[in-house]
Amino acid sequence: MPKYVGTHPAELATADALKAEGLKPTGQVVALLTIKTANSERLTGLFRRSETELLSPSQQAL
């Protein structure tokens, strides 16, 4: 599985980024992203933007 640190290809996105765009992933995690800040390091999954669907209005409120 591909792994990225700090940046990733535009065709991939985290679940949080997709949600901010009103989308949700329908596929599986296809890569991993390490996000580093001054005080922490976090590993998250990346999804293909082509494998998404619109969030329902009730899901957007969450």
N, C-alpha and C. Protein backbone atom coordinates (compact mmCIF):
# COMPACT_ATOMS: atom_id res chain seq x y z
N MET A 1 0.85 -1.16 0.00
CA MET A 1 0.00 0.00 0.00
C MET A 1 0.91 1.24 0.00
N PRO A 2 0.63 2.21 -0.89
CA PRO A 2 1.44 3.43 -0.91
C PRO A 2 1.32 4.21 0.40
N LYS A 3 2.41 4.89 0.76
CA LYS A 3 2.43 5.72 1.96
C LYS A 3 2.99 7.08 1.60
N TYR A 4 2.33 8.12 2.08
CA TYR A 4 2.75 9.50 1.82
C TYR A 4 2.98 10.20 3.15
N VAL A 5 3.83 11.23 3.12
CA VAL A 5 4.10 12.02 4.32
C VAL A 5 3.85 13.48 3.98
N GLY A 6 2.85 14.08 4.62
CA GLY A 6 2.59 15.50 4.48
C GLY A 6 1.81 15.92 3.24
N THR A 7 1.97 15.22 2.15
CA THR A 7 1.28 15.57 0.92
C THR A 7 0.88 14.29 0.20
N HIS A 8 -0.06 14.41 -0.73
CA HIS A 8 -0.54 13.24 -1.46
C HIS A 8 -1.09 13.67 -2.81
N PRO A 9 -1.27 12.74 -3.74
CA PRO A 9 -1.82 13.07 -5.05
C PRO A 9 -3.24 13.64 -4.93
N ALA A 10 -3.58 14.55 -5.81
CA ALA A 10 -4.88 15.23 -5.77
C ALA A 10 -6.06 14.28 -5.93
N GLU A 11 -5.86 13.14 -6.56
CA GLU A 11 -6.98 12.21 -6.76
C GLU A 11 -7.31 11.41 -5.50
N LEU A 12 -6.52 11.60 -4.44
CA LEU A 12 -6.77 10.93 -3.16
C LEU A 12 -7.15 11.97 -2.12
N ALA A 13 -7.93 11.54 -1.12
CA ALA A 13 -8.35 12.46 -0.05
C ALA A 13 -8.65 11.69 1.22
N THR A 14 -8.51 12.36 2.35
CA THR A 14 -8.89 11.76 3.63
C THR A 14 -10.40 11.79 3.77
N ALA A 15 -10.92 10.99 4.68
CA ALA A 15 -12.37 10.99 4.94
C ALA A 15 -12.81 12.36 5.42
N ASP A 16 -12.01 13.02 6.25
CA ASP A 16 -12.35 14.35 6.74
C ASP A 16 -12.42 15.37 5.60
N ALA A 17 -11.46 15.31 4.69
CA ALA A 17 -11.45 16.23 3.55
C ALA A 17 -12.66 15.99 2.65
N LEU A 18 -13.00 14.73 2.44
CA LEU A 18 -14.18 14.42 1.62
C LEU A 18 -15.44 14.93 2.28
N LYS A 19 -15.57 14.73 3.59
CA LYS A 19 -16.75 15.20 4.31
C LYS A 19 -16.89 16.71 4.20
N ALA A 20 -15.78 17.43 4.28
CA ALA A 20 -15.80 18.88 4.15
C ALA A 20 -16.30 19.32 2.77
N GLU A 21 -16.16 18.43 1.79
CA GLU A 21 -16.63 18.69 0.43
C GLU A 21 -18.03 18.14 0.19
N GLY A 22 -18.66 17.58 1.24
CA GLY A 22 -20.00 17.02 1.10
C GLY A 22 -20.02 15.63 0.49
N LEU A 23 -18.90 14.92 0.59
CA LEU A 23 -18.79 13.59 0.01
C LEU A 23 -18.45 12.56 1.07
N LYS A 24 -18.68 11.29 0.75
CA LYS A 24 -18.23 10.20 1.62
C LYS A 24 -17.61 9.11 0.75
N PRO A 25 -16.60 8.44 1.27
CA PRO A 25 -15.95 7.39 0.48
C PRO A 25 -16.84 6.16 0.37
N THR A 26 -16.80 5.52 -0.78
CA THR A 26 -17.53 4.27 -0.97
C THR A 26 -16.56 3.10 -1.17
N GLY A 27 -15.31 3.42 -1.42
CA GLY A 27 -14.29 2.39 -1.62
C GLY A 27 -13.46 2.18 -0.37
N GLN A 28 -12.45 1.38 -0.52
CA GLN A 28 -11.54 1.05 0.57
C GLN A 28 -10.37 2.04 0.62
N VAL A 29 -9.69 2.08 1.73
CA VAL A 29 -8.46 2.87 1.85
C VAL A 29 -7.46 2.33 0.83
N VAL A 30 -6.88 3.24 0.03
CA VAL A 30 -5.94 2.82 -1.02
C VAL A 30 -4.51 3.27 -0.74
N ALA A 31 -4.34 4.15 0.25
CA ALA A 31 -3.01 4.63 0.62
C ALA A 31 -3.08 5.19 2.04
N LEU A 32 -1.90 5.40 2.62
CA LEU A 32 -1.82 5.96 3.96
C LEU A 32 -1.09 7.28 3.91
N LEU A 33 -1.50 8.20 4.79
CA LEU A 33 -0.89 9.52 4.86
C LEU A 33 -0.47 9.79 6.30
N THR A 34 0.80 10.17 6.47
CA THR A 34 1.30 10.59 7.77
C THR A 34 1.25 12.11 7.81
N ILE A 35 0.54 12.62 8.81
CA ILE A 35 0.43 14.06 9.02
C ILE A 35 1.25 14.41 10.25
N LYS A 36 2.26 15.25 10.06
CA LYS A 36 3.14 15.64 11.16
C LYS A 36 2.90 17.10 11.51
N THR A 37 2.79 17.38 12.82
CA THR A 37 2.74 18.75 13.32
C THR A 37 3.90 18.91 14.29
N ALA A 38 4.02 20.08 14.87
CA ALA A 38 5.12 20.32 15.81
C ALA A 38 5.06 19.40 17.01
N ASN A 39 3.83 19.01 17.41
CA ASN A 39 3.67 18.23 18.64
C ASN A 39 3.14 16.81 18.45
N SER A 40 2.81 16.45 17.23
CA SER A 40 2.22 15.12 17.05
C SER A 40 2.44 14.58 15.65
N GLU A 41 2.11 13.33 15.50
CA GLU A 41 2.17 12.65 14.21
C GLU A 41 0.95 11.74 14.14
N ARG A 42 0.22 11.79 13.03
CA ARG A 42 -1.00 11.00 12.90
C ARG A 42 -0.99 10.27 11.56
N LEU A 43 -1.48 9.05 11.56
CA LEU A 43 -1.60 8.24 10.35
C LEU A 43 -3.07 8.14 10.00
N THR A 44 -3.40 8.40 8.74
CA THR A 44 -4.79 8.34 8.30
C THR A 44 -4.87 7.68 6.93
N GLY A 45 -6.05 7.20 6.59
CA GLY A 45 -6.26 6.57 5.30
C GLY A 45 -6.61 7.57 4.21
N LEU A 46 -6.28 7.21 2.98
CA LEU A 46 -6.64 8.00 1.82
C LEU A 46 -7.56 7.19 0.91
N PHE A 47 -8.56 7.86 0.37
CA PHE A 47 -9.55 7.24 -0.51
C PHE A 47 -9.48 7.88 -1.88
N ARG A 48 -9.90 7.14 -2.89
CA ARG A 48 -9.97 7.69 -4.26
C ARG A 48 -11.18 8.61 -4.36
N ARG A 49 -10.96 9.81 -4.89
CA ARG A 49 -12.08 10.75 -5.09
C ARG A 49 -13.11 10.19 -6.07
N SER A 50 -12.67 9.32 -6.95
CA SER A 50 -13.58 8.73 -7.94
C SER A 50 -14.52 7.71 -7.31
N GLU A 51 -14.22 7.30 -6.07
CA GLU A 51 -15.05 6.32 -5.37
C GLU A 51 -15.74 6.99 -4.17
N THR A 52 -16.59 7.98 -4.49
CA THR A 52 -17.32 8.71 -3.46
C THR A 52 -18.77 8.90 -3.88
N GLU A 53 -19.57 9.30 -2.91
CA GLU A 53 -20.95 9.69 -3.20
C GLU A 53 -21.29 10.87 -2.31
N LEU A 54 -22.37 11.56 -2.67
CA LEU A 54 -22.79 12.72 -1.89
C LEU A 54 -23.30 12.29 -0.52
N LEU A 55 -22.99 13.10 0.49
CA LEU A 55 -23.55 12.86 1.82
C LEU A 55 -25.02 13.23 1.81
N SER A 56 -25.82 12.51 2.56
CA SER A 56 -27.21 12.89 2.72
C SER A 56 -27.27 14.13 3.62
N PRO A 57 -28.36 14.89 3.59
CA PRO A 57 -28.46 16.07 4.46
C PRO A 57 -28.26 15.73 5.94
N SER A 58 -28.74 14.59 6.40
CA SER A 58 -28.56 14.24 7.81
C SER A 58 -27.10 13.92 8.13
N GLN A 59 -26.35 13.37 7.17
CA GLN A 59 -24.94 13.07 7.39
C GLN A 59 -24.10 14.35 7.36
N GLN A 60 -24.52 15.34 6.59
CA GLN A 60 -23.78 16.60 6.51
C GLN A 60 -23.85 17.36 7.81
N ALA A 61 -24.89 17.17 8.59
CA ALA A 61 -25.07 17.88 9.85
C ALA A 61 -24.16 17.35 10.94
N LEU A 62 -23.63 16.13 10.78
CA LEU A 62 -22.79 15.53 11.82
C LEU A 62 -21.43 16.14 11.91
